[in-house]
mmCIF file of all heavy atoms, coordinates in Angstrom:
data_MODEL
# 
_entry.id   MODEL 
# 
loop_
_atom_site.group_PDB 
_atom_site.id 
_atom_site.type_symbol 
_atom_site.label_atom_id 
_atom_site.label_alt_id 
_atom_site.label_comp_id 
_atom_site.label_asym_id 
_atom_site.label_entity_id 
_atom_site.label_seq_id 
_atom_site.pdbx_PDB_ins_code 
_atom_site.Cartn_x 
_atom_site.Cartn_y 
_atom_site.Cartn_z 
_atom_site.occupancy 
_atom_site.B_iso_or_equiv 
_atom_site.pdbx_formal_charge 
_atom_site.auth_seq_id 
_atom_site.auth_comp_id 
_atom_site.auth_asym_id 
_atom_site.auth_atom_id 
_atom_site.pdbx_PDB_model_num 
ATOM 1   N N   . TYR A 1 1  ? -8.455  41.530 57.623 1.00 0.00 ? 1  TYR A N   1 
ATOM 2   C CA  . TYR A 1 1  ? -9.309  41.982 58.720 1.00 0.00 ? 1  TYR A CA  1 
ATOM 3   C C   . TYR A 1 1  ? -10.719 41.422 58.552 1.00 0.00 ? 1  TYR A C   1 
ATOM 4   O O   . TYR A 1 1  ? -11.190 41.231 57.427 1.00 0.00 ? 1  TYR A O   1 
ATOM 5   C CB  . TYR A 1 1  ? -9.359  43.506 58.790 1.00 0.00 ? 1  TYR A CB  1 
ATOM 6   C CG  . TYR A 1 1  ? -8.032  44.121 59.182 1.00 0.00 ? 1  TYR A CG  1 
ATOM 7   C CD1 . TYR A 1 1  ? -7.128  44.541 58.201 1.00 0.00 ? 1  TYR A CD1 1 
ATOM 8   C CD2 . TYR A 1 1  ? -7.660  44.227 60.516 1.00 0.00 ? 1  TYR A CD2 1 
ATOM 9   C CE1 . TYR A 1 1  ? -5.900  45.077 58.544 1.00 0.00 ? 1  TYR A CE1 1 
ATOM 10  C CE2 . TYR A 1 1  ? -6.434  44.760 60.874 1.00 0.00 ? 1  TYR A CE2 1 
ATOM 11  C CZ  . TYR A 1 1  ? -5.559  45.189 59.888 1.00 0.00 ? 1  TYR A CZ  1 
ATOM 12  O OH  . TYR A 1 1  ? -4.341  45.704 60.242 1.00 0.00 ? 1  TYR A OH  1 
ATOM 13  N N   . LYS A 1 2  ? -11.366 41.182 59.677 1.00 0.00 ? 2  LYS A N   1 
ATOM 14  C CA  . LYS A 1 2  ? -12.712 40.600 59.686 1.00 0.00 ? 2  LYS A CA  1 
ATOM 15  C C   . LYS A 1 2  ? -13.716 41.611 59.150 1.00 0.00 ? 2  LYS A C   1 
ATOM 16  O O   . LYS A 1 2  ? -13.709 42.783 59.527 1.00 0.00 ? 2  LYS A O   1 
ATOM 17  C CB  . LYS A 1 2  ? -13.087 40.173 61.105 1.00 0.00 ? 2  LYS A CB  1 
ATOM 18  C CG  . LYS A 1 2  ? -14.409 39.436 61.209 1.00 0.00 ? 2  LYS A CG  1 
ATOM 19  C CD  . LYS A 1 2  ? -14.635 38.978 62.624 1.00 0.00 ? 2  LYS A CD  1 
ATOM 20  C CE  . LYS A 1 2  ? -15.961 38.218 62.762 1.00 0.00 ? 2  LYS A CE  1 
ATOM 21  N NZ  . LYS A 1 2  ? -15.977 37.010 61.932 1.00 0.00 ? 2  LYS A NZ  1 
ATOM 22  N N   . PHE A 1 3  ? -14.608 41.137 58.292 1.00 0.00 ? 3  PHE A N   1 
ATOM 23  C CA  . PHE A 1 3  ? -15.631 42.013 57.717 1.00 0.00 ? 3  PHE A CA  1 
ATOM 24  C C   . PHE A 1 3  ? -16.871 42.036 58.606 1.00 0.00 ? 3  PHE A C   1 
ATOM 25  O O   . PHE A 1 3  ? -17.230 41.046 59.242 1.00 0.00 ? 3  PHE A O   1 
ATOM 26  C CB  . PHE A 1 3  ? -16.016 41.514 56.318 1.00 0.00 ? 3  PHE A CB  1 
ATOM 27  C CG  . PHE A 1 3  ? -17.155 42.296 55.712 1.00 0.00 ? 3  PHE A CG  1 
ATOM 28  C CD1 . PHE A 1 3  ? -16.913 43.479 55.050 1.00 0.00 ? 3  PHE A CD1 1 
ATOM 29  C CD2 . PHE A 1 3  ? -18.457 41.838 55.820 1.00 0.00 ? 3  PHE A CD2 1 
ATOM 30  C CE1 . PHE A 1 3  ? -17.960 44.203 54.502 1.00 0.00 ? 3  PHE A CE1 1 
ATOM 31  C CE2 . PHE A 1 3  ? -19.503 42.553 55.288 1.00 0.00 ? 3  PHE A CE2 1 
ATOM 32  C CZ  . PHE A 1 3  ? -19.259 43.732 54.614 1.00 0.00 ? 3  PHE A CZ  1 
ATOM 33  N N   . ARG A 1 4  ? -17.518 43.190 58.637 1.00 0.00 ? 4  ARG A N   1 
ATOM 34  C CA  . ARG A 1 4  ? -18.830 43.317 59.268 1.00 0.00 ? 4  ARG A CA  1 
ATOM 35  C C   . ARG A 1 4  ? -19.680 44.212 58.385 1.00 0.00 ? 4  ARG A C   1 
ATOM 36  O O   . ARG A 1 4  ? -19.160 45.134 57.720 1.00 0.00 ? 4  ARG A O   1 
ATOM 37  C CB  . ARG A 1 4  ? -18.701 43.898 60.678 1.00 0.00 ? 4  ARG A CB  1 
ATOM 38  C CG  . ARG A 1 4  ? -18.173 45.312 60.733 1.00 0.00 ? 4  ARG A CG  1 
ATOM 39  C CD  . ARG A 1 4  ? -18.185 45.854 62.162 1.00 0.00 ? 4  ARG A CD  1 
ATOM 40  N NE  . ARG A 1 4  ? -17.741 47.238 62.227 1.00 0.00 ? 4  ARG A NE  1 
ATOM 41  C CZ  . ARG A 1 4  ? -16.493 47.636 62.298 1.00 0.00 ? 4  ARG A CZ  1 
ATOM 42  N NH1 . ARG A 1 4  ? -15.525 46.706 62.314 1.00 0.00 ? 4  ARG A NH1 1 
ATOM 43  N NH2 . ARG A 1 4  ? -16.174 48.911 62.361 1.00 0.00 ? 4  ARG A NH2 1 
ATOM 44  N N   . PRO A 1 5  ? -20.986 43.967 58.318 1.00 0.00 ? 5  PRO A N   1 
ATOM 45  C CA  . PRO A 1 5  ? -21.857 44.770 57.447 1.00 0.00 ? 5  PRO A CA  1 
ATOM 46  C C   . PRO A 1 5  ? -21.776 46.246 57.785 1.00 0.00 ? 5  PRO A C   1 
ATOM 47  O O   . PRO A 1 5  ? -21.703 46.644 58.952 1.00 0.00 ? 5  PRO A O   1 
ATOM 48  C CB  . PRO A 1 5  ? -23.251 44.205 57.742 1.00 0.00 ? 5  PRO A CB  1 
ATOM 49  C CG  . PRO A 1 5  ? -23.001 42.807 58.210 1.00 0.00 ? 5  PRO A CG  1 
ATOM 50  C CD  . PRO A 1 5  ? -21.707 42.855 58.963 1.00 0.00 ? 5  PRO A CD  1 
ATOM 51  N N   . GLY A 1 6  ? -21.779 47.074 56.762 1.00 0.00 ? 6  GLY A N   1 
ATOM 52  C CA  . GLY A 1 6  ? -21.711 48.522 56.936 1.00 0.00 ? 6  GLY A CA  1 
ATOM 53  C C   . GLY A 1 6  ? -20.299 49.068 57.007 1.00 0.00 ? 6  GLY A C   1 
ATOM 54  O O   . GLY A 1 6  ? -20.115 50.274 57.224 1.00 0.00 ? 6  GLY A O   1 
ATOM 55  N N   . LEU A 1 7  ? -19.290 48.217 56.831 1.00 0.00 ? 7  LEU A N   1 
ATOM 56  C CA  . LEU A 1 7  ? -17.908 48.666 56.930 1.00 0.00 ? 7  LEU A CA  1 
ATOM 57  C C   . LEU A 1 7  ? -17.569 49.609 55.781 1.00 0.00 ? 7  LEU A C   1 
ATOM 58  O O   . LEU A 1 7  ? -17.901 49.346 54.615 1.00 0.00 ? 7  LEU A O   1 
ATOM 59  C CB  . LEU A 1 7  ? -16.982 47.454 56.903 1.00 0.00 ? 7  LEU A CB  1 
ATOM 60  C CG  . LEU A 1 7  ? -15.488 47.713 57.166 1.00 0.00 ? 7  LEU A CG  1 
ATOM 61  C CD1 . LEU A 1 7  ? -15.276 48.181 58.591 1.00 0.00 ? 7  LEU A CD1 1 
ATOM 62  C CD2 . LEU A 1 7  ? -14.681 46.447 56.890 1.00 0.00 ? 7  LEU A CD2 1 
ATOM 63  N N   . THR A 1 8  ? -16.899 50.722 56.087 1.00 0.00 ? 8  THR A N   1 
ATOM 64  C CA  . THR A 1 8  ? -16.510 51.701 55.081 1.00 0.00 ? 8  THR A CA  1 
ATOM 65  C C   . THR A 1 8  ? -14.990 51.716 54.917 1.00 0.00 ? 8  THR A C   1 
ATOM 66  O O   . THR A 1 8  ? -14.252 51.122 55.708 1.00 0.00 ? 8  THR A O   1 
ATOM 67  C CB  . THR A 1 8  ? -16.987 53.112 55.473 1.00 0.00 ? 8  THR A CB  1 
ATOM 68  O OG1 . THR A 1 8  ? -16.327 53.511 56.687 1.00 0.00 ? 8  THR A OG1 1 
ATOM 69  C CG2 . THR A 1 8  ? -18.494 53.145 55.690 1.00 0.00 ? 8  THR A CG2 1 
ATOM 70  N N   . VAL A 1 9  ? -14.537 52.418 53.877 1.00 0.00 ? 9  VAL A N   1 
ATOM 71  C CA  . VAL A 1 9  ? -13.105 52.528 53.611 1.00 0.00 ? 9  VAL A CA  1 
ATOM 72  C C   . VAL A 1 9  ? -12.391 53.208 54.780 1.00 0.00 ? 9  VAL A C   1 
ATOM 73  O O   . VAL A 1 9  ? -11.303 52.796 55.186 1.00 0.00 ? 9  VAL A O   1 
ATOM 74  C CB  . VAL A 1 9  ? -12.877 53.285 52.291 1.00 0.00 ? 9  VAL A CB  1 
ATOM 75  C CG1 . VAL A 1 9  ? -11.396 53.630 52.135 1.00 0.00 ? 9  VAL A CG1 1 
ATOM 76  C CG2 . VAL A 1 9  ? -13.357 52.459 51.111 1.00 0.00 ? 9  VAL A CG2 1 
ATOM 77  N N   . LEU A 1 10 ? -12.997 54.267 55.323 1.00 0.00 ? 10 LEU A N   1 
ATOM 78  C CA  . LEU A 1 10 ? -12.366 54.978 56.433 1.00 0.00 ? 10 LEU A CA  1 
ATOM 79  C C   . LEU A 1 10 ? -12.231 54.071 57.655 1.00 0.00 ? 10 LEU A C   1 
ATOM 80  O O   . LEU A 1 10 ? -11.207 54.103 58.355 1.00 0.00 ? 10 LEU A O   1 
ATOM 81  C CB  . LEU A 1 10 ? -13.186 56.215 56.787 1.00 0.00 ? 10 LEU A CB  1 
ATOM 82  C CG  . LEU A 1 10 ? -12.598 57.136 57.873 1.00 0.00 ? 10 LEU A CG  1 
ATOM 83  C CD1 . LEU A 1 10 ? -11.229 57.655 57.451 1.00 0.00 ? 10 LEU A CD1 1 
ATOM 84  C CD2 . LEU A 1 10 ? -13.538 58.286 58.189 1.00 0.00 ? 10 LEU A CD2 1 
ATOM 85  N N   . GLN A 1 11 ? -13.232 53.249 57.922 1.00 0.00 ? 11 GLN A N   1 
ATOM 86  C CA  . GLN A 1 11 ? -13.142 52.324 59.044 1.00 0.00 ? 11 GLN A CA  1 
ATOM 87  C C   . GLN A 1 11 ? -12.063 51.269 58.819 1.00 0.00 ? 11 GLN A C   1 
ATOM 88  O O   . GLN A 1 11 ? -11.376 50.868 59.752 1.00 0.00 ? 11 GLN A O   1 
ATOM 89  C CB  . GLN A 1 11 ? -14.500 51.647 59.262 1.00 0.00 ? 11 GLN A CB  1 
ATOM 90  C CG  . GLN A 1 11 ? -15.570 52.597 59.803 1.00 0.00 ? 11 GLN A CG  1 
ATOM 91  C CD  . GLN A 1 11 ? -16.944 51.959 59.830 1.00 0.00 ? 11 GLN A CD  1 
ATOM 92  O OE1 . GLN A 1 11 ? -17.228 51.044 59.066 1.00 0.00 ? 11 GLN A OE1 1 
ATOM 93  N NE2 . GLN A 1 11 ? -17.810 52.452 60.710 1.00 0.00 ? 11 GLN A NE2 1 
ATOM 94  N N   . SER A 1 12 ? -11.906 50.830 57.574 1.00 0.00 ? 12 SER A N   1 
ATOM 95  C CA  . SER A 1 12 ? -10.831 49.871 57.282 1.00 0.00 ? 12 SER A CA  1 
ATOM 96  C C   . SER A 1 12 ? -9.462  50.508 57.503 1.00 0.00 ? 12 SER A C   1 
ATOM 97  O O   . SER A 1 12 ? -8.517  49.847 57.933 1.00 0.00 ? 12 SER A O   1 
ATOM 98  C CB  . SER A 1 12 ? -10.955 49.362 55.847 1.00 0.00 ? 12 SER A CB  1 
ATOM 99  O OG  . SER A 1 12 ? -10.634 50.371 54.911 1.00 0.00 ? 12 SER A OG  1 
ATOM 100 N N   . LEU A 1 13 ? -9.338  51.809 57.216 1.00 0.00 ? 13 LEU A N   1 
ATOM 101 C CA  . LEU A 1 13 ? -8.090  52.523 57.483 1.00 0.00 ? 13 LEU A CA  1 
ATOM 102 C C   . LEU A 1 13 ? -7.807  52.544 58.985 1.00 0.00 ? 13 LEU A C   1 
ATOM 103 O O   . LEU A 1 13 ? -6.667  52.336 59.424 1.00 0.00 ? 13 LEU A O   1 
ATOM 104 C CB  . LEU A 1 13 ? -8.176  53.943 56.928 1.00 0.00 ? 13 LEU A CB  1 
ATOM 105 C CG  . LEU A 1 13 ? -7.001  54.875 57.239 1.00 0.00 ? 13 LEU A CG  1 
ATOM 106 C CD1 . LEU A 1 13 ? -5.705  54.333 56.647 1.00 0.00 ? 13 LEU A CD1 1 
ATOM 107 C CD2 . LEU A 1 13 ? -7.278  56.288 56.715 1.00 0.00 ? 13 LEU A CD2 1 
ATOM 108 N N   . ALA A 1 14 ? -8.857  52.785 59.789 1.00 0.00 ? 14 ALA A N   1 
ATOM 109 C CA  . ALA A 1 14 ? -8.681  52.791 61.239 1.00 0.00 ? 14 ALA A CA  1 
ATOM 110 C C   . ALA A 1 14 ? -8.308  51.398 61.763 1.00 0.00 ? 14 ALA A C   1 
ATOM 111 O O   . ALA A 1 14 ? -7.476  51.259 62.658 1.00 0.00 ? 14 ALA A O   1 
ATOM 112 C CB  . ALA A 1 14 ? -9.956  53.284 61.917 1.00 0.00 ? 14 ALA A CB  1 
ATOM 113 N N   . MET A 1 15 ? -8.909  50.353 61.187 1.00 0.00 ? 15 MET A N   1 
ATOM 114 C CA  . MET A 1 15 ? -8.603  48.988 61.611 1.00 0.00 ? 15 MET A CA  1 
ATOM 115 C C   . MET A 1 15 ? -7.147  48.627 61.345 1.00 0.00 ? 15 MET A C   1 
ATOM 116 O O   . MET A 1 15 ? -6.537  47.863 62.104 1.00 0.00 ? 15 MET A O   1 
ATOM 117 C CB  . MET A 1 15 ? -9.531  48.006 60.887 1.00 0.00 ? 15 MET A CB  1 
ATOM 118 C CG  . MET A 1 15 ? -10.991 48.122 61.285 1.00 0.00 ? 15 MET A CG  1 
ATOM 119 S SD  . MET A 1 15 ? -12.104 47.248 60.157 1.00 0.00 ? 15 MET A SD  1 
ATOM 120 C CE  . MET A 1 15 ? -11.542 45.578 60.346 1.00 0.00 ? 15 MET A CE  1 
ATOM 121 N N   . SER A 1 16 ? -6.595  49.174 60.288 1.00 0.00 ? 16 SER A N   1 
ATOM 122 C CA  . SER A 1 16 ? -5.211  48.858 59.925 1.00 0.00 ? 16 SER A CA  1 
ATOM 123 C C   . SER A 1 16 ? -4.200  49.803 60.565 1.00 0.00 ? 16 SER A C   1 
ATOM 124 O O   . SER A 1 16 ? -3.034  49.830 60.160 1.00 0.00 ? 16 SER A O   1 
ATOM 125 C CB  . SER A 1 16 ? -5.056  48.890 58.400 1.00 0.00 ? 16 SER A CB  1 
ATOM 126 O OG  . SER A 1 16 ? -5.398  50.164 57.888 1.00 0.00 ? 16 SER A OG  1 
ATOM 127 N N   . GLY A 1 17 ? -4.612  50.588 61.540 1.00 0.00 ? 17 GLY A N   1 
ATOM 128 C CA  . GLY A 1 17 ? -3.683  51.417 62.296 1.00 0.00 ? 17 GLY A CA  1 
ATOM 129 C C   . GLY A 1 17 ? -3.484  52.822 61.764 1.00 0.00 ? 17 GLY A C   1 
ATOM 130 O O   . GLY A 1 17 ? -2.618  53.548 62.261 1.00 0.00 ? 17 GLY A O   1 
ATOM 131 N N   . GLY A 1 18 ? -4.238  53.222 60.748 1.00 0.00 ? 18 GLY A N   1 
ATOM 132 C CA  . GLY A 1 18 ? -4.099  54.573 60.212 1.00 0.00 ? 18 GLY A CA  1 
ATOM 133 C C   . GLY A 1 18 ? -2.982  54.669 59.182 1.00 0.00 ? 18 GLY A C   1 
ATOM 134 O O   . GLY A 1 18 ? -2.319  53.672 58.848 1.00 0.00 ? 18 GLY A O   1 
ATOM 135 N N   . PRO A 1 19 ? -2.750  55.856 58.637 1.00 0.00 ? 19 PRO A N   1 
ATOM 136 C CA  . PRO A 1 19 ? -1.705  56.035 57.619 1.00 0.00 ? 19 PRO A CA  1 
ATOM 137 C C   . PRO A 1 19 ? -0.329  55.645 58.145 1.00 0.00 ? 19 PRO A C   1 
ATOM 138 O O   . PRO A 1 19 ? -0.027  55.765 59.332 1.00 0.00 ? 19 PRO A O   1 
ATOM 139 C CB  . PRO A 1 19 ? -1.789  57.529 57.290 1.00 0.00 ? 19 PRO A CB  1 
ATOM 140 C CG  . PRO A 1 19 ? -3.153  57.949 57.728 1.00 0.00 ? 19 PRO A CG  1 
ATOM 141 C CD  . PRO A 1 19 ? -3.496  57.112 58.892 1.00 0.00 ? 19 PRO A CD  1 
ATOM 142 N N   . PHE A 1 20 ? 0.494   55.193 57.234 1.00 0.00 ? 20 PHE A N   1 
ATOM 143 C CA  . PHE A 1 20 ? 1.844   54.762 57.589 1.00 0.00 ? 20 PHE A CA  1 
ATOM 144 C C   . PHE A 1 20 ? 2.692   55.945 58.050 1.00 0.00 ? 20 PHE A C   1 
ATOM 145 O O   . PHE A 1 20 ? 2.662   57.022 57.464 1.00 0.00 ? 20 PHE A O   1 
ATOM 146 C CB  . PHE A 1 20 ? 2.486   54.095 56.369 1.00 0.00 ? 20 PHE A CB  1 
ATOM 147 C CG  . PHE A 1 20 ? 3.958   53.825 56.547 1.00 0.00 ? 20 PHE A CG  1 
ATOM 148 C CD1 . PHE A 1 20 ? 4.385   52.723 57.256 1.00 0.00 ? 20 PHE A CD1 1 
ATOM 149 C CD2 . PHE A 1 20 ? 4.906   54.688 56.002 1.00 0.00 ? 20 PHE A CD2 1 
ATOM 150 C CE1 . PHE A 1 20 ? 5.733   52.476 57.416 1.00 0.00 ? 20 PHE A CE1 1 
ATOM 151 C CE2 . PHE A 1 20 ? 6.245   54.445 56.157 1.00 0.00 ? 20 PHE A CE2 1 
ATOM 152 C CZ  . PHE A 1 20 ? 6.666   53.344 56.866 1.00 0.00 ? 20 PHE A CZ  1 
ATOM 153 N N   . ARG A 1 21 ? 3.427   55.705 59.115 1.00 0.00 ? 21 ARG A N   1 
ATOM 154 C CA  . ARG A 1 21 ? 4.421   56.673 59.587 1.00 0.00 ? 21 ARG A CA  1 
ATOM 155 C C   . ARG A 1 21 ? 5.732   55.922 59.772 1.00 0.00 ? 21 ARG A C   1 
ATOM 156 O O   . ARG A 1 21 ? 5.749   54.842 60.371 1.00 0.00 ? 21 ARG A O   1 
ATOM 157 C CB  . ARG A 1 21 ? 4.005   57.320 60.926 1.00 0.00 ? 21 ARG A CB  1 
ATOM 158 C CG  . ARG A 1 21 ? 2.750   58.165 60.820 1.00 0.00 ? 21 ARG A CG  1 
ATOM 159 C CD  . ARG A 1 21 ? 2.995   59.409 59.981 1.00 0.00 ? 21 ARG A CD  1 
ATOM 160 N NE  . ARG A 1 21 ? 1.826   60.259 59.927 1.00 0.00 ? 21 ARG A NE  1 
ATOM 161 C CZ  . ARG A 1 21 ? 0.863   60.177 59.024 1.00 0.00 ? 21 ARG A CZ  1 
ATOM 162 N NH1 . ARG A 1 21 ? 0.937   59.229 58.084 1.00 0.00 ? 21 ARG A NH1 1 
ATOM 163 N NH2 . ARG A 1 21 ? -0.161  60.985 59.033 1.00 0.00 ? 21 ARG A NH2 1 
ATOM 164 N N   . GLU A 1 22 ? 6.785   56.470 59.264 1.00 0.00 ? 22 GLU A N   1 
ATOM 165 C CA  . GLU A 1 22 ? 8.067   55.767 59.262 1.00 0.00 ? 22 GLU A CA  1 
ATOM 166 C C   . GLU A 1 22 ? 8.507   55.359 60.652 1.00 0.00 ? 22 GLU A C   1 
ATOM 167 O O   . GLU A 1 22 ? 8.987   54.252 60.864 1.00 0.00 ? 22 GLU A O   1 
ATOM 168 C CB  . GLU A 1 22 ? 9.130   56.648 58.604 1.00 0.00 ? 22 GLU A CB  1 
ATOM 169 C CG  . GLU A 1 22 ? 10.480  55.954 58.486 1.00 0.00 ? 22 GLU A CG  1 
ATOM 170 C CD  . GLU A 1 22 ? 11.493  56.831 57.797 1.00 0.00 ? 22 GLU A CD  1 
ATOM 171 O OE1 . GLU A 1 22 ? 11.133  57.924 57.359 1.00 0.00 ? 22 GLU A OE1 1 
ATOM 172 O OE2 . GLU A 1 22 ? 12.662  56.418 57.730 1.00 0.00 ? 22 GLU A OE2 1 
ATOM 173 N N   . LYS A 1 23 ? 8.295   56.200 61.628 1.00 0.00 ? 23 LYS A N   1 
ATOM 174 C CA  . LYS A 1 23 ? 8.792   55.891 62.965 1.00 0.00 ? 23 LYS A CA  1 
ATOM 175 C C   . LYS A 1 23 ? 7.958   54.795 63.649 1.00 0.00 ? 23 LYS A C   1 
ATOM 176 O O   . LYS A 1 23 ? 8.438   54.134 64.560 1.00 0.00 ? 23 LYS A O   1 
ATOM 177 C CB  . LYS A 1 23 ? 8.785   57.144 63.834 1.00 0.00 ? 23 LYS A CB  1 
ATOM 178 C CG  . LYS A 1 23 ? 7.386   57.731 64.040 1.00 0.00 ? 23 LYS A CG  1 
ATOM 179 C CD  . LYS A 1 23 ? 7.447   58.991 64.886 1.00 0.00 ? 23 LYS A CD  1 
ATOM 180 C CE  . LYS A 1 23 ? 6.057   59.589 65.104 1.00 0.00 ? 23 LYS A CE  1 
ATOM 181 N NZ  . LYS A 1 23 ? 6.119   60.814 65.935 1.00 0.00 ? 23 LYS A NZ  1 
ATOM 182 N N   . SER A 1 24 ? 6.692   54.612 63.188 1.00 0.00 ? 24 SER A N   1 
ATOM 183 C CA  . SER A 1 24 ? 5.865   53.598 63.822 1.00 0.00 ? 24 SER A CA  1 
ATOM 184 C C   . SER A 1 24 ? 5.922   52.253 63.110 1.00 0.00 ? 24 SER A C   1 
ATOM 185 O O   . SER A 1 24 ? 5.350   51.278 63.560 1.00 0.00 ? 24 SER A O   1 
ATOM 186 C CB  . SER A 1 24 ? 4.400   54.062 63.862 1.00 0.00 ? 24 SER A CB  1 
ATOM 187 O OG  . SER A 1 24 ? 3.917   54.242 62.537 1.00 0.00 ? 24 SER A OG  1 
# 
């Protein structure tokens, strides 16, 4: 994923679609 200044771990989680769910 593309980096931008000020990026946090939580924002990286949102960029990657959130926690894994088996059905998704």
